[in-house]
Amino acid sequence: MPVFWLVLVTAPVATPLHVGNYPSIETCQAAAISTRQTVRAGAPNANFQLVCVQANTGKAGDPGPPE
């Protein structure tokens, strides 16, 4: 089964941060939208992006999530 990572990007030169694993692009995108809305409500001037990235194909030998 493929795995999609939710990645937080805070600036063009900052290191992206892996913040979650999701079983589909749809669930990852829903989490990104929900998180973005929650953060914007508490910190409307926050400058960040949440990106969904396919981490693997679900086949044997694919890498695991970062630790």
PDB file of N, CA and C in Angstrom:
ATOM      1  N   MET A   1       0.849  -1.184   0.000  1.00  0.00           N
ATOM      2  CA  MET A   1       0.000   0.000   0.000  1.00  0.00           C
ATOM      3  C   MET A   1       0.893   1.245   0.000  1.00  0.00           C
ATOM      4  N   PRO A   2       0.647   2.201  -0.864  1.00  0.00           N
ATOM      5  CA  PRO A   2       1.440   3.425  -0.885  1.00  0.00           C
ATOM      6  C   PRO A   2       1.289   4.218   0.416  1.00  0.00           C
ATOM      7  N   VAL A   3       2.283   5.003   0.693  1.00  0.00           N
ATOM      8  CA  VAL A   3       2.256   5.896   1.849  1.00  0.00           C
ATOM      9  C   VAL A   3       2.503   7.317   1.349  1.00  0.00           C
ATOM     10  N   PHE A   4       1.702   8.255   1.865  1.00  0.00           N
ATOM     11  CA  PHE A   4       1.873   9.662   1.534  1.00  0.00           C
ATOM     12  C   PHE A   4       2.299  10.398   2.791  1.00  0.00           C
ATOM     13  N   TRP A   5       3.326  11.217   2.667  1.00  0.00           N
ATOM     14  CA  TRP A   5       3.827  12.003   3.795  1.00  0.00           C
ATOM     15  C   TRP A   5       3.241  13.401   3.734  1.00  0.00           C
ATOM     16  N   LEU A   6       2.872  13.916   4.880  1.00  0.00           N
ATOM     17  CA  LEU A   6       2.518  15.331   5.011  1.00  0.00           C
ATOM     18  C   LEU A   6       3.790  16.031   5.476  1.00  0.00           C
ATOM     19  N   VAL A   7       4.229  17.017   4.717  1.00  0.00           N
ATOM     20  CA  VAL A   7       5.494  17.699   4.972  1.00  0.00           C
ATOM     21  C   VAL A   7       5.222  19.179   5.222  1.00  0.00           C
ATOM     22  N   LEU A   8       5.820  19.708   6.289  1.00  0.00           N
ATOM     23  CA  LEU A   8       5.708  21.123   6.647  1.00  0.00           C
ATOM     24  C   LEU A   8       6.929  21.860   6.118  1.00  0.00           C
ATOM     25  N   VAL A   9       6.688  22.936   5.378  1.00  0.00           N
ATOM     26  CA  VAL A   9       7.751  23.784   4.849  1.00  0.00           C
ATOM     27  C   VAL A   9       7.518  25.184   5.399  1.00  0.00           C
ATOM     28  N   THR A  10       8.504  25.729   6.113  1.00  0.00           N
ATOM     29  CA  THR A  10       8.306  27.022   6.766  1.00  0.00           C
ATOM     30  C   THR A  10       9.003  28.179   6.068  1.00  0.00           C
ATOM     31  N   ALA A  11       9.971  27.918   5.245  1.00  0.00           N
ATOM     32  CA  ALA A  11      10.682  28.983   4.528  1.00  0.00           C
ATOM     33  C   ALA A  11      11.453  28.354   3.372  1.00  0.00           C
ATOM     34  N   PRO A  12      11.816  29.160   2.389  1.00  0.00           N
ATOM     35  CA  PRO A  12      12.536  28.599   1.239  1.00  0.00           C
ATOM     36  C   PRO A  12      13.862  27.943   1.610  1.00  0.00           C
ATOM     37  N   VAL A  13      14.496  28.365   2.690  1.00  0.00           N
ATOM     38  CA  VAL A  13      15.799  27.804   3.048  1.00  0.00           C
ATOM     39  C   VAL A  13      15.742  26.853   4.243  1.00  0.00           C
ATOM     40  N   ALA A  14      14.571  26.664   4.837  1.00  0.00           N
ATOM     41  CA  ALA A  14      14.443  25.778   5.992  1.00  0.00           C
ATOM     42  C   ALA A  14      14.342  24.323   5.541  1.00  0.00           C
ATOM     43  N   THR A  15      14.734  23.423   6.410  1.00  0.00           N
ATOM     44  CA  THR A  15      14.612  22.000   6.134  1.00  0.00           C
ATOM     45  C   THR A  15      13.163  21.575   6.299  1.00  0.00           C
ATOM     46  N   PRO A  16      12.576  20.931   5.293  1.00  0.00           N
ATOM     47  CA  PRO A  16      11.198  20.451   5.431  1.00  0.00           C
ATOM     48  C   PRO A  16      11.097  19.446   6.574  1.00  0.00           C
ATOM     49  N   LEU A  17       9.930  19.390   7.207  1.00  0.00           N
ATOM     50  CA  LEU A  17       9.710  18.515   8.351  1.00  0.00           C
ATOM     51  C   LEU A  17       8.569  17.548   8.059  1.00  0.00           C
ATOM     52  N   HIS A  18       8.842  16.258   8.173  1.00  0.00           N
ATOM     53  CA  HIS A  18       7.821  15.224   7.993  1.00  0.00           C
ATOM     54  C   HIS A  18       6.913  15.261   9.219  1.00  0.00           C
ATOM     55  N   VAL A  19       5.596  15.435   9.009  1.00  0.00           N
ATOM     56  CA  VAL A  19       4.684  15.542  10.149  1.00  0.00           C
ATOM     57  C   VAL A  19       3.602  14.464  10.189  1.00  0.00           C
ATOM     58  N   GLY A  20       3.487  13.630   9.172  1.00  0.00           N
ATOM     59  CA  GLY A  20       2.481  12.581   9.232  1.00  0.00           C
ATOM     60  C   GLY A  20       2.514  11.641   8.050  1.00  0.00           C
ATOM     61  N   ASN A  21       1.948  10.441   8.243  1.00  0.00           N
ATOM     62  CA  ASN A  21       1.820   9.427   7.195  1.00  0.00           C
ATOM     63  C   ASN A  21       0.339   9.196   6.931  1.00  0.00           C
ATOM     64  N   TYR A  22      -0.024   9.046   5.656  1.00  0.00           N
ATOM     65  CA  TYR A  22      -1.421   8.843   5.284  1.00  0.00           C
ATOM     66  C   TYR A  22      -1.506   7.775   4.201  1.00  0.00           C
ATOM     67  N   PRO A  23      -2.605   7.012   4.171  1.00  0.00           N
ATOM     68  CA  PRO A  23      -2.723   5.905   3.216  1.00  0.00           C
ATOM     69  C   PRO A  23      -3.117   6.331   1.800  1.00  0.00           C
ATOM     70  N   SER A  24      -3.579   7.583   1.638  1.00  0.00           N
ATOM     71  CA  SER A  24      -3.977   8.033   0.302  1.00  0.00           C
ATOM     72  C   SER A  24      -3.712   9.534   0.172  1.00  0.00           C
ATOM     73  N   ILE A  25      -3.648   9.993  -1.052  1.00  0.00           N
ATOM     74  CA  ILE A  25      -3.442  11.423  -1.296  1.00  0.00           C
ATOM     75  C   ILE A  25      -4.636  12.220  -0.770  1.00  0.00           C
ATOM     76  N   GLU A  26      -5.826  11.646  -0.849  1.00  0.00           N
ATOM     77  CA  GLU A  26      -7.024  12.352  -0.378  1.00  0.00           C
ATOM     78  C   GLU A  26      -6.984  12.589   1.137  1.00  0.00           C
ATOM     79  N   THR A  27      -6.580  11.570   1.908  1.00  0.00           N
ATOM     80  CA  THR A  27      -6.522  11.750   3.363  1.00  0.00           C
ATOM     81  C   THR A  27      -5.397  12.701   3.753  1.00  0.00           C
ATOM     82  N   CYS A  28      -4.308  12.667   3.016  1.00  0.00           N
ATOM     83  CA  CYS A  28      -3.197  13.590   3.279  1.00  0.00           C
ATOM     84  C   CYS A  28      -3.630  15.030   2.995  1.00  0.00           C
ATOM     85  N   GLN A  29      -4.273  15.249   1.874  1.00  0.00           N
ATOM     86  CA  GLN A  29      -4.722  16.593   1.529  1.00  0.00           C
ATOM     87  C   GLN A  29      -5.770  17.102   2.507  1.00  0.00           C
ATOM     88  N   ALA A  30      -6.658  16.232   2.971  1.00  0.00           N
ATOM     89  CA  ALA A  30      -7.660  16.631   3.960  1.00  0.00           C
ATOM     90  C   ALA A  30      -6.979  17.058   5.263  1.00  0.00           C
ATOM     91  N   ALA A  31      -5.945  16.324   5.678  1.00  0.00           N
ATOM     92  CA  ALA A  31      -5.200  16.687   6.887  1.00  0.00           C
ATOM     93  C   ALA A  31      -4.487  18.021   6.695  1.00  0.00           C
ATOM     94  N   ALA A  32      -3.930  18.245   5.514  1.00  0.00           N
ATOM     95  CA  ALA A  32      -3.241  19.512   5.236  1.00  0.00           C
ATOM     96  C   ALA A  32      -4.222  20.681   5.306  1.00  0.00           C
ATOM     97  N   ILE A  33      -5.393  20.531   4.720  1.00  0.00           N
ATOM     98  CA  ILE A  33      -6.398  21.600   4.738  1.00  0.00           C
ATOM     99  C   ILE A  33      -6.868  21.873   6.156  1.00  0.00           C
ATOM    100  N   SER A  34      -7.149  20.821   6.899  1.00  0.00           N
ATOM    101  CA  SER A  34      -7.605  20.978   8.283  1.00  0.00           C
ATOM    102  C   SER A  34      -6.543  21.662   9.148  1.00  0.00           C
ATOM    103  N   THR A  35      -5.307  21.231   9.005  1.00  0.00           N
ATOM    104  CA  THR A  35      -4.211  21.823   9.780  1.00  0.00           C
ATOM    105  C   THR A  35      -4.017  23.280   9.408  1.00  0.00           C
ATOM    106  N   ARG A  36      -4.047  23.570   8.114  1.00  0.00           N
ATOM    107  CA  ARG A  36      -3.870  24.943   7.655  1.00  0.00           C
ATOM    108  C   ARG A  36      -4.951  25.850   8.237  1.00  0.00           C
ATOM    109  N   GLN A  37      -6.199  25.399   8.234  1.00  0.00           N
ATOM    110  CA  GLN A  37      -7.306  26.197   8.767  1.00  0.00           C
ATOM    111  C   GLN A  37      -7.149  26.406  10.270  1.00  0.00           C
ATOM    112  N   THR A  38      -6.736  25.375  10.988  1.00  0.00           N
ATOM    113  CA  THR A  38      -6.552  25.483  12.438  1.00  0.00           C
ATOM    114  C   THR A  38      -5.441  26.467  12.785  1.00  0.00           C
ATOM    115  N   VAL A  39      -4.320  26.360  12.095  1.00  0.00           N
ATOM    116  CA  VAL A  39      -3.188  27.264  12.373  1.00  0.00           C
ATOM    117  C   VAL A  39      -3.545  28.689  11.979  1.00  0.00           C
ATOM    118  N   ARG A  40      -4.165  28.870  10.846  1.00  0.00           N
ATOM    119  CA  ARG A  40      -4.536  30.220  10.389  1.00  0.00           C
ATOM    120  C   ARG A  40      -5.485  30.896  11.377  1.00  0.00           C
ATOM    121  N   ALA A  41      -6.362  30.115  12.021  1.00  0.00           N
ATOM    122  CA  ALA A  41      -7.299  30.683  12.995  1.00  0.00           C
ATOM    123  C   ALA A  41      -6.546  31.217  14.208  1.00  0.00           C
ATOM    124  N   GLY A  42      -5.482  30.530  14.624  1.00  0.00           N
ATOM    125  CA  GLY A  42      -4.727  30.948  15.803  1.00  0.00           C
ATOM    126  C   GLY A  42      -3.575  31.884  15.496  1.00  0.00           C
ATOM    127  N   ALA A  43      -3.062  31.806  14.281  1.00  0.00           N
ATOM    128  CA  ALA A  43      -1.907  32.627  13.892  1.00  0.00           C
ATOM    129  C   ALA A  43      -2.082  33.034  12.429  1.00  0.00           C
ATOM    130  N   PRO A  44      -2.920  34.048  12.164  1.00  0.00           N
ATOM    131  CA  PRO A  44      -3.256  34.394  10.776  1.00  0.00           C
ATOM    132  C   PRO A  44      -2.069  34.842   9.927  1.00  0.00           C
ATOM    133  N   ASN A  45      -0.973  35.260  10.546  1.00  0.00           N
ATOM    134  CA  ASN A  45       0.189  35.712   9.778  1.00  0.00           C
ATOM    135  C   ASN A  45       1.260  34.643   9.636  1.00  0.00           C
ATOM    136  N   ALA A  46       0.961  33.419  10.064  1.00  0.00           N
ATOM    137  CA  ALA A  46       1.940  32.331   9.959  1.00  0.00           C
ATOM    138  C   ALA A  46       2.277  32.077   8.496  1.00  0.00           C
ATOM    139  N   ASN A  47       3.554  31.898   8.216  1.00  0.00           N
ATOM    140  CA  ASN A  47       4.016  31.674   6.849  1.00  0.00           C
ATOM    141  C   ASN A  47       4.547  30.246   6.743  1.00  0.00           C
ATOM    142  N   PHE A  48       3.742  29.360   6.159  1.00  0.00           N
ATOM    143  CA  PHE A  48       4.127  27.964   6.020  1.00  0.00           C
ATOM    144  C   PHE A  48       3.337  27.326   4.891  1.00  0.00           C
ATOM    145  N   GLN A  49       3.816  26.180   4.455  1.00  0.00           N
ATOM    146  CA  GLN A  49       3.115  25.376   3.463  1.00  0.00           C
ATOM    147  C   GLN A  49       3.077  23.943   3.953  1.00  0.00           C
ATOM    148  N   LEU A  50       2.006  23.240   3.652  1.00  0.00           N
ATOM    149  CA  LEU A  50       1.900  21.812   3.904  1.00  0.00           C
ATOM    150  C   LEU A  50       1.793  21.127   2.551  1.00  0.00           C
ATOM    151  N   VAL A  51       2.642  20.129   2.342  1.00  0.00           N
ATOM    152  CA  VAL A  51       2.735  19.466   1.050  1.00  0.00           C
ATOM    153  C   VAL A  51       2.568  17.959   1.247  1.00  0.00           C
ATOM    154  N   CYS A  52       1.804  17.321   0.382  1.00  0.00           N
ATOM    155  CA  CYS A  52       1.674  15.866   0.395  1.00  0.00           C
ATOM    156  C   CYS A  52       2.610  15.284  -0.662  1.00  0.00           C
ATOM    157  N   VAL A  53       3.399  14.288  -0.229  1.00  0.00           N
ATOM    158  CA  VAL A  53       4.393  13.676  -1.104  1.00  0.00           C
ATOM    159  C   VAL A  53       4.227  12.166  -1.053  1.00  0.00           C
ATOM    160  N   GLN A  54       4.178  11.522  -2.213  1.00  0.00           N
ATOM    161  CA  GLN A  54       4.116  10.056  -2.204  1.00  0.00           C
ATOM    162  C   GLN A  54       5.483   9.538  -1.788  1.00  0.00           C
ATOM    163  N   ALA A  55       5.514   8.836  -0.653  1.00  0.00           N
ATOM    164  CA  ALA A  55       6.770   8.386  -0.072  1.00  0.00           C
ATOM    165  C   ALA A  55       7.246   7.058  -0.647  1.00  0.00           C
ATOM    166  N   ASN A  56       6.311   6.226  -1.050  1.00  0.00           N
ATOM    167  CA  ASN A  56       6.695   4.947  -1.637  1.00  0.00           C
ATOM    168  C   ASN A  56       5.545   4.401  -2.467  1.00  0.00           C
ATOM    169  N   THR A  57       5.781   3.264  -3.076  1.00  0.00           N
ATOM    170  CA  THR A  57       4.777   2.668  -3.950  1.00  0.00           C
ATOM    171  C   THR A  57       3.978   1.564  -3.276  1.00  0.00           C
ATOM    172  N   GLY A  58       4.414   1.174  -2.085  1.00  0.00           N
ATOM    173  CA  GLY A  58       3.766   0.082  -1.388  1.00  0.00           C
ATOM    174  C   GLY A  58       4.353  -1.268  -1.756  1.00  0.00           C
ATOM    175  N   LYS A  59       5.409  -1.277  -2.525  1.00  0.00           N
ATOM    176  CA  LYS A  59       6.040  -2.540  -2.936  1.00  0.00           C
ATOM    177  C   LYS A  59       7.173  -2.902  -1.974  1.00  0.00           C
ATOM    178  N   ALA A  60       7.491  -4.176  -1.944  1.00  0.00           N
ATOM    179  CA  ALA A  60       8.591  -4.648  -1.085  1.00  0.00           C
ATOM    180  C   ALA A  60       9.879  -3.902  -1.432  1.00  0.00           C
ATOM    181  N   GLY A  61      10.623  -3.545  -0.401  1.00  0.00           N
ATOM    182  CA  GLY A  61      11.903  -2.849  -0.606  1.00  0.00           C
ATOM    183  C   GLY A  61      11.789  -1.340  -0.577  1.00  0.00           C
ATOM    184  N   ASP A  62      10.566  -0.807  -0.510  1.00  0.00           N
ATOM    185  CA  ASP A  62      10.393   0.654  -0.392  1.00  0.00           C
ATOM    186  C   ASP A  62      10.958   1.129   0.941  1.00  0.00           C
ATOM    187  N   PRO A  63      11.455   2.349   0.997  1.00  0.00           N
ATOM    188  CA  PRO A  63      11.972   2.864   2.268  1.00  0.00           C
ATOM    189  C   PRO A  63      10.848   3.140   3.258  1.00  0.00           C
ATOM    190  N   GLY A  64      11.173   3.075   4.530  1.00  0.00           N
ATOM    191  CA  GLY A  64      10.220   3.407   5.581  1.00  0.00           C
ATOM    192  C   GLY A  64      10.200   4.892   5.829  1.00  0.00           C
ATOM    193  N   PRO A  65       9.328   5.344   6.748  1.00  0.00           N
ATOM    194  CA  PRO A  65       9.260   6.761   7.066  1.00  0.00           C
ATOM    195  C   PRO A  65      10.502   7.225   7.833  1.00  0.00           C
ATOM    196  N   PRO A  66      10.784   8.511   7.813  1.00  0.00           N
ATOM    197  CA  PRO A  66      11.938   9.011   8.560  1.00  0.00           C
ATOM    198  C   PRO A  66      11.688   8.859  10.057  1.00  0.00           C
ATOM    199  N   GLU A  67      12.764   8.785  10.790  1.00  0.00           N
ATOM    200  CA  GLU A  67      12.632   8.638  12.250  1.00  0.00           C
ATOM    201  C   GLU A  67      12.934   9.921  12.952  1.00  0.00           C
TER     202      GLU A  67
END
